[in-house]
Amino acid sequence: MKAVLKNPKKLVKKIVLILLGTFIYSAGVGLFLDPNGLAPGGVVGLSVIVSHILGGETGSWYFLFNIPIVLLGWWKFGGKFIIWTFYSVAANSVFTNFFARFGSVTDELMLAAIAGSVLTGVGIGIVLRSGSTTGGTDIIIKLLRRRYPAIKTSTFFMVVDIVIVSAAGILFRDFNIAMYAFIAVVLSGKVMESVLYGKDEATLVFIVSDKAQLVVDRLLQDMSVGATILSGKGAYTHHEKNIIMCVVKKRATPTLEDIVKEEDSAAFMIVTSASEIYGEGYKNIMMERL
């Protein structure tokens, strides 16, 4: 907190990002999902269910449900984290109640599910990128991420959301609404993952060639991509081999393959998808630690 306070630009940026993220998220809930009885999952989904059954504003229920969870976060993450989370929760509550006044933008469930899920996914992604959370299950998932760092945040969200959506289908006794809500959950998770992690869409290539340097020179000259030359040995011949390892955007893969064919038609090449890429030109390694 002290570091942020010492840098006014970072402080303003963080405040604006959280405000923007919660505004977009609340628009998805208040204008599309909540009015159509679509529980988006998490604490907001629980709030939608309770507000439809017991009455009251969804944003207000959301704030009440978050109180014990925020206290848990205070215990586990400290005051700095909770200050920003409480700010997010309060903003989310106010914005959700604000948008609820306008009613549903559309009564078509499919359109509501798609539009609402895109907005909520973008909103959560922006808030998480700012270093805060929208409260609720975000805090619980953040705790789970500490214990299971190999599992993506979006995966945890999807599991929790499916449970909430299933409960909504049972309580509302409407299978169609449950299915539309499920579509919203899946799409929201994909959108959030895109905003949070970025689009890698990269290809990992290994090239075993007797003309490794020629191939590398062409890659550097024609494609401006980095490459690493590894040393290897043939298991049968015991001959020393040079192995080129490089990562390129998927759209650039055909160009790389053409270069290899032109320089060494006898080269042995392995092309595979790379799901997580960190470093220059791709995503920041610190972003995955949210």
Protein backbone atom coordinates (compact mmCIF):
# COMPACT_ATOMS: atom_id res chain seq x y z
CA MET A 1 0.00 0.00 0.00
CA LYS A 2 2.83 2.41 0.89
CA ALA A 3 4.48 1.81 -2.51
CA VAL A 4 1.23 2.61 -4.29
CA LEU A 5 0.62 5.72 -2.21
CA LYS A 6 4.11 6.96 -3.03
CA ASN A 7 3.30 6.71 -6.73
CA PRO A 8 0.18 8.78 -7.48
CA LYS A 9 0.01 7.53 -11.09
CA LYS A 10 -0.10 3.88 -10.01
CA LEU A 11 -2.67 4.71 -7.34
CA VAL A 12 -4.96 6.50 -9.82
CA LYS A 13 -4.49 3.73 -12.40
CA LYS A 14 -5.43 1.05 -9.87
CA ILE A 15 -8.50 2.97 -8.70
CA VAL A 16 -9.66 3.57 -12.28
CA LEU A 17 -9.07 -0.05 -13.37
CA ILE A 18 -11.05 -1.44 -10.44
CA LEU A 19 -13.84 1.08 -11.04
CA LEU A 20 -13.91 0.26 -14.76
CA GLY A 21 -13.84 -3.50 -14.17
CA THR A 22 -16.64 -3.46 -11.59
CA PHE A 23 -18.70 -1.12 -13.78
CA ILE A 24 -18.48 -3.49 -16.76
CA TYR A 25 -19.08 -6.55 -14.60
CA SER A 26 -22.13 -4.99 -12.92
CA ALA A 27 -23.55 -3.98 -16.29
CA GLY A 28 -23.46 -7.61 -17.36
CA VAL A 29 -25.23 -8.69 -14.19
CA GLY A 30 -27.72 -5.85 -13.81
CA LEU A 31 -28.73 -5.39 -17.45
CA PHE A 32 -28.65 -8.96 -18.77
CA LEU A 33 -28.22 -11.82 -16.30
CA ASP A 34 -30.10 -10.86 -13.13
CA PRO A 35 -33.30 -9.56 -14.82
CA ASN A 36 -33.60 -12.85 -16.73
CA GLY A 37 -32.99 -15.05 -13.69
CA LEU A 38 -29.59 -16.19 -14.97
CA ALA A 39 -27.27 -16.85 -12.02
CA PRO A 40 -23.72 -16.09 -13.25
CA GLY A 41 -22.10 -18.20 -10.56
CA GLY A 42 -20.09 -17.26 -7.49
CA VAL A 43 -21.42 -14.97 -4.79
CA VAL A 44 -23.17 -12.81 -7.38
CA GLY A 45 -25.02 -15.89 -8.62
CA LEU A 46 -25.96 -16.76 -5.07
CA SER A 47 -27.17 -13.18 -4.60
CA VAL A 48 -29.31 -13.44 -7.75
CA ILE A 49 -30.92 -16.63 -6.46
CA VAL A 50 -31.66 -15.17 -3.02
CA SER A 51 -33.00 -11.88 -4.39
CA HIS A 52 -35.42 -13.73 -6.70
CA ILE A 53 -36.61 -15.98 -3.87
CA LEU A 54 -36.63 -13.62 -0.86
CA GLY A 55 -36.69 -10.25 -2.58
CA GLY A 56 -34.33 -7.35 -2.04
CA GLU A 57 -31.64 -5.93 -4.30
CA THR A 58 -29.01 -8.27 -5.71
CA GLY A 59 -26.22 -5.78 -5.07
CA SER A 60 -27.20 -5.49 -1.40
CA TRP A 61 -27.24 -9.26 -0.93
CA TYR A 62 -23.88 -9.42 -2.66
CA PHE A 63 -22.44 -6.93 -0.16
CA LEU A 64 -23.82 -8.85 2.84
CA PHE A 65 -22.56 -12.23 1.63
CA ASN A 66 -19.11 -10.76 1.13
CA ILE A 67 -18.64 -9.56 4.70
CA PRO A 68 -17.49 -12.94 6.17
CA ILE A 69 -15.46 -13.71 3.04
CA VAL A 70 -13.68 -10.36 3.19
CA LEU A 71 -12.87 -11.00 6.85
CA LEU A 72 -11.35 -14.34 5.79
CA GLY A 73 -9.30 -12.51 3.20
CA TRP A 74 -8.13 -10.00 5.79
CA TRP A 75 -6.89 -12.87 7.94
CA LYS A 76 -5.10 -14.63 5.07
CA PHE A 77 -3.86 -11.76 2.92
CA GLY A 78 -3.65 -8.77 5.23
CA GLY A 79 -5.08 -5.27 5.24
CA LYS A 80 -3.49 -4.04 1.98
CA PHE A 81 -5.26 -6.68 -0.10
CA ILE A 82 -8.58 -6.26 1.69
CA ILE A 83 -8.71 -2.49 1.30
CA TRP A 84 -8.73 -2.88 -2.47
CA THR A 85 -11.10 -5.86 -2.34
CA PHE A 86 -13.55 -3.97 -0.14
CA TYR A 87 -13.40 -1.10 -2.62
CA SER A 88 -14.22 -3.55 -5.43
CA VAL A 89 -17.07 -5.15 -3.47
CA ALA A 90 -18.60 -1.79 -2.59
CA ALA A 91 -18.34 -0.55 -6.17
CA ASN A 92 -19.83 -3.79 -7.49
CA SER A 93 -22.75 -3.57 -5.07
CA VAL A 94 -23.54 0.04 -5.94
CA PHE A 95 -23.22 -0.46 -9.70
CA THR A 96 -25.29 -3.67 -9.69
CA ASN A 97 -28.18 -1.94 -7.87
CA PHE A 98 -27.80 1.05 -10.20
CA PHE A 99 -28.10 -1.00 -13.39
CA ALA A 100 -31.00 -3.02 -11.95
CA ARG A 101 -33.15 0.11 -12.13
CA PHE A 102 -33.09 0.01 -15.93
CA GLY A 103 -34.43 -3.52 -16.21
CA SER A 104 -33.41 -6.08 -18.81
CA VAL A 105 -31.99 -4.88 -22.12
CA THR A 106 -33.33 -8.02 -23.80
CA ASP A 107 -35.77 -10.79 -22.88
CA GLU A 108 -34.10 -13.23 -25.28
CA LEU A 109 -32.28 -15.62 -22.94
CA MET A 110 -29.55 -16.57 -25.39
CA LEU A 111 -28.68 -12.94 -26.13
CA ALA A 112 -28.79 -12.12 -22.43
CA ALA A 113 -26.49 -15.04 -21.62
CA ILE A 114 -23.96 -14.09 -24.29
CA ALA A 115 -23.92 -10.35 -23.62
CA GLY A 116 -23.93 -10.78 -19.85
CA SER A 117 -21.14 -13.36 -19.87
CA VAL A 118 -18.90 -11.27 -22.12
CA LEU A 119 -19.31 -8.21 -19.89
CA THR A 120 -18.76 -10.13 -16.64
CA GLY A 121 -15.74 -11.91 -18.08
CA VAL A 122 -14.14 -8.66 -19.21
CA GLY A 123 -14.96 -6.99 -15.89
CA ILE A 124 -13.45 -9.74 -13.72
CA GLY A 125 -10.38 -9.90 -15.92
CA ILE A 126 -9.74 -6.16 -15.58
CA VAL A 127 -10.15 -6.23 -11.80
CA LEU A 128 -7.84 -9.23 -11.40
CA ARG A 129 -5.21 -7.62 -13.64
CA SER A 130 -5.28 -4.58 -11.36
CA GLY A 131 -4.17 -6.83 -8.48
CA SER A 132 -7.50 -6.80 -6.68
CA THR A 133 -10.53 -9.10 -6.73
CA THR A 134 -14.29 -8.63 -6.94
CA GLY A 135 -14.60 -10.27 -3.54
CA GLY A 136 -16.75 -13.34 -3.00
CA THR A 137 -15.38 -16.52 -4.47
CA ASP A 138 -12.43 -14.54 -5.89
CA ILE A 139 -10.89 -14.59 -2.41
CA ILE A 140 -11.57 -18.29 -1.92
CA ILE A 141 -10.14 -19.03 -5.37
CA LYS A 142 -7.10 -16.90 -4.62
CA LEU A 143 -6.50 -19.12 -1.58
CA LEU A 144 -6.91 -22.24 -3.72
CA ARG A 145 -4.43 -20.83 -6.25
CA ARG A 146 -1.81 -20.70 -3.52
CA ARG A 147 -2.28 -24.39 -2.84
CA TYR A 148 -2.77 -25.48 -6.46
CA PRO A 149 -0.77 -22.98 -8.59
CA ALA A 150 -0.81 -25.24 -11.66
CA ILE A 151 -4.58 -24.80 -12.05
CA LYS A 152 -5.71 -21.64 -13.81
CA THR A 153 -7.89 -19.09 -12.06
CA SER A 154 -10.53 -19.47 -14.78
CA THR A 155 -10.76 -23.22 -14.10
CA PHE A 156 -11.53 -22.65 -10.42
CA PHE A 157 -14.12 -20.06 -11.37
CA MET A 158 -15.80 -22.44 -13.78
CA VAL A 159 -16.09 -25.25 -11.22
CA VAL A 160 -17.60 -22.98 -8.55
CA ASP A 161 -19.90 -21.34 -11.07
CA ILE A 162 -21.24 -24.66 -12.33
CA VAL A 163 -22.22 -25.58 -8.76
CA ILE A 164 -24.10 -22.28 -8.36
CA VAL A 165 -25.78 -22.61 -11.75
CA SER A 166 -26.91 -26.15 -10.93
CA ALA A 167 -28.38 -24.92 -7.64
CA ALA A 168 -30.24 -22.16 -9.50
CA GLY A 169 -31.72 -24.68 -11.93
CA ILE A 170 -32.96 -26.82 -9.04
CA LEU A 171 -34.39 -23.95 -7.02
CA PHE A 172 -36.03 -22.20 -9.99
CA ARG A 173 -37.16 -25.55 -11.40
CA ASP A 174 -36.31 -24.35 -14.89
CA PHE A 175 -33.88 -26.49 -16.85
CA ASN A 176 -33.71 -24.00 -19.74
CA ILE A 177 -32.58 -21.14 -17.49
CA ALA A 178 -29.95 -23.40 -15.95
CA MET A 179 -28.59 -24.33 -19.38
CA TYR A 180 -28.44 -20.71 -20.54
CA ALA A 181 -26.70 -19.81 -17.28
CA PHE A 182 -24.23 -22.62 -17.90
CA ILE A 183 -23.47 -21.17 -21.35
CA ALA A 184 -22.91 -17.80 -19.71
CA VAL A 185 -20.51 -19.32 -17.16
CA VAL A 186 -18.40 -21.10 -19.78
CA LEU A 187 -18.22 -18.06 -22.07
CA SER A 188 -17.46 -15.71 -19.18
CA GLY A 189 -14.57 -17.95 -18.11
CA LYS A 190 -13.10 -17.92 -21.62
CA VAL A 191 -13.41 -14.14 -21.92
CA MET A 192 -11.89 -13.63 -18.48
CA GLU A 193 -8.99 -15.93 -19.36
CA SER A 194 -8.37 -13.94 -22.53
CA VAL A 195 -8.33 -10.62 -20.65
CA LEU A 196 -6.32 -11.97 -17.71
CA TYR A 197 -3.71 -14.08 -19.48
CA GLY A 198 -3.74 -12.69 -23.00
CA LYS A 199 -3.83 -14.64 -26.23
CA ASP A 200 -0.64 -16.67 -26.54
CA GLU A 201 -1.62 -18.72 -29.60
CA ALA A 202 2.01 -19.66 -30.08
CA THR A 203 3.82 -22.59 -31.66
CA LEU A 204 6.86 -24.32 -30.18
CA VAL A 205 9.21 -25.64 -32.86
CA PHE A 206 12.20 -27.98 -32.59
CA ILE A 207 14.38 -28.27 -35.69
CA VAL A 208 17.16 -30.86 -36.02
CA SER A 209 19.33 -29.77 -38.94
CA ASP A 210 22.88 -30.12 -40.25
CA LYS A 211 22.52 -26.54 -41.45
CA ALA A 212 21.34 -25.10 -38.17
CA GLN A 213 23.22 -21.81 -38.46
CA LEU A 214 21.81 -21.10 -41.91
CA VAL A 215 18.30 -21.74 -40.64
CA VAL A 216 18.84 -19.51 -37.60
CA ASP A 217 20.26 -16.70 -39.75
CA ARG A 218 17.16 -16.80 -41.93
CA LEU A 219 14.85 -16.80 -38.90
CA LEU A 220 16.61 -13.77 -37.46
CA GLN A 221 16.71 -11.94 -40.79
CA ASP A 222 13.31 -12.74 -42.26
CA MET A 223 11.16 -13.18 -39.14
CA SER A 224 13.03 -11.32 -36.37
CA VAL A 225 12.34 -14.17 -33.94
CA GLY A 226 14.68 -15.42 -31.26
CA ALA A 227 16.01 -18.96 -31.28
CA THR A 228 18.14 -21.18 -29.08
CA ILE A 229 20.59 -23.75 -30.42
CA LEU A 230 20.73 -26.85 -28.25
CA SER A 231 23.37 -29.58 -28.39
CA GLY A 232 22.25 -33.16 -28.91
CA LYS A 233 23.48 -36.57 -29.98
CA GLY A 234 21.85 -39.19 -32.19
CA ALA A 235 20.87 -42.23 -30.14
CA TYR A 236 21.78 -44.64 -32.94
CA THR A 237 24.61 -42.85 -34.81
CA HIS A 238 26.06 -41.06 -31.77
CA HIS A 239 26.69 -38.10 -34.08
CA GLU A 240 26.56 -34.61 -32.58
CA LYS A 241 23.42 -32.72 -33.56
CA ASN A 242 22.36 -29.08 -33.37
CA ILE A 243 18.73 -28.56 -32.35
CA ILE A 244 17.03 -25.23 -32.92
CA MET A 245 14.29 -24.33 -30.45
CA CYS A 246 12.08 -21.32 -31.07
CA VAL A 247 8.59 -20.01 -30.36
CA VAL A 248 6.55 -18.11 -32.93
CA LYS A 249 3.01 -16.83 -33.19
CA LYS A 250 0.74 -19.38 -34.83
CA ARG A 251 0.06 -17.14 -37.78
CA ALA A 252 3.82 -17.06 -38.50
CA THR A 253 4.27 -20.86 -38.40
CA PRO A 254 3.85 -21.41 -42.18
CA THR A 255 6.59 -18.84 -42.87
CA LEU A 256 8.96 -20.64 -40.50
CA GLU A 257 8.22 -23.99 -42.14
CA ASP A 258 8.95 -22.53 -45.59
CA ILE A 259 12.31 -21.18 -44.39
CA VAL A 260 13.31 -24.57 -43.02
CA LYS A 261 12.32 -26.30 -46.26
CA GLU A 262 14.34 -23.82 -48.31
CA GLU A 263 17.50 -24.08 -46.21
CA ASP A 264 17.44 -27.79 -45.35
CA SER A 265 14.82 -30.02 -46.94
CA ALA A 266 16.20 -32.95 -44.93
CA ALA A 267 15.66 -31.27 -41.58
CA PHE A 268 13.68 -33.04 -38.86
CA MET A 269 11.08 -30.68 -37.42
CA ILE A 270 8.61 -30.98 -34.54
CA VAL A 271 5.77 -28.43 -34.41
CA THR A 272 3.50 -28.30 -31.37
CA SER A 273 1.19 -25.83 -29.63
CA ALA A 274 2.54 -23.89 -26.65
CA SER A 275 -0.22 -23.15 -24.13
CA GLU A 276 1.75 -20.91 -21.76
CA ILE A 277 4.43 -18.48 -22.97
CA TYR A 278 6.18 -15.99 -20.70
CA GLY A 279 8.71 -13.36 -21.65
CA GLU A 280 9.23 -10.55 -24.13
CA GLY A 281 6.55 -10.46 -26.79
CA TYR A 282 4.22 -12.63 -24.71
CA LYS A 283 2.73 -12.32 -21.23
CA ASN A 284 4.41 -11.17 -18.07
CA ILE A 285 5.40 -14.07 -15.82
CA MET A 286 4.00 -12.21 -12.80
CA MET A 287 0.47 -12.11 -14.25
CA GLU A 288 -0.09 -15.83 -13.61
CA ARG A 289 0.54 -15.33 -9.89
CA LEU A 290 -2.78 -13.60 -9.28
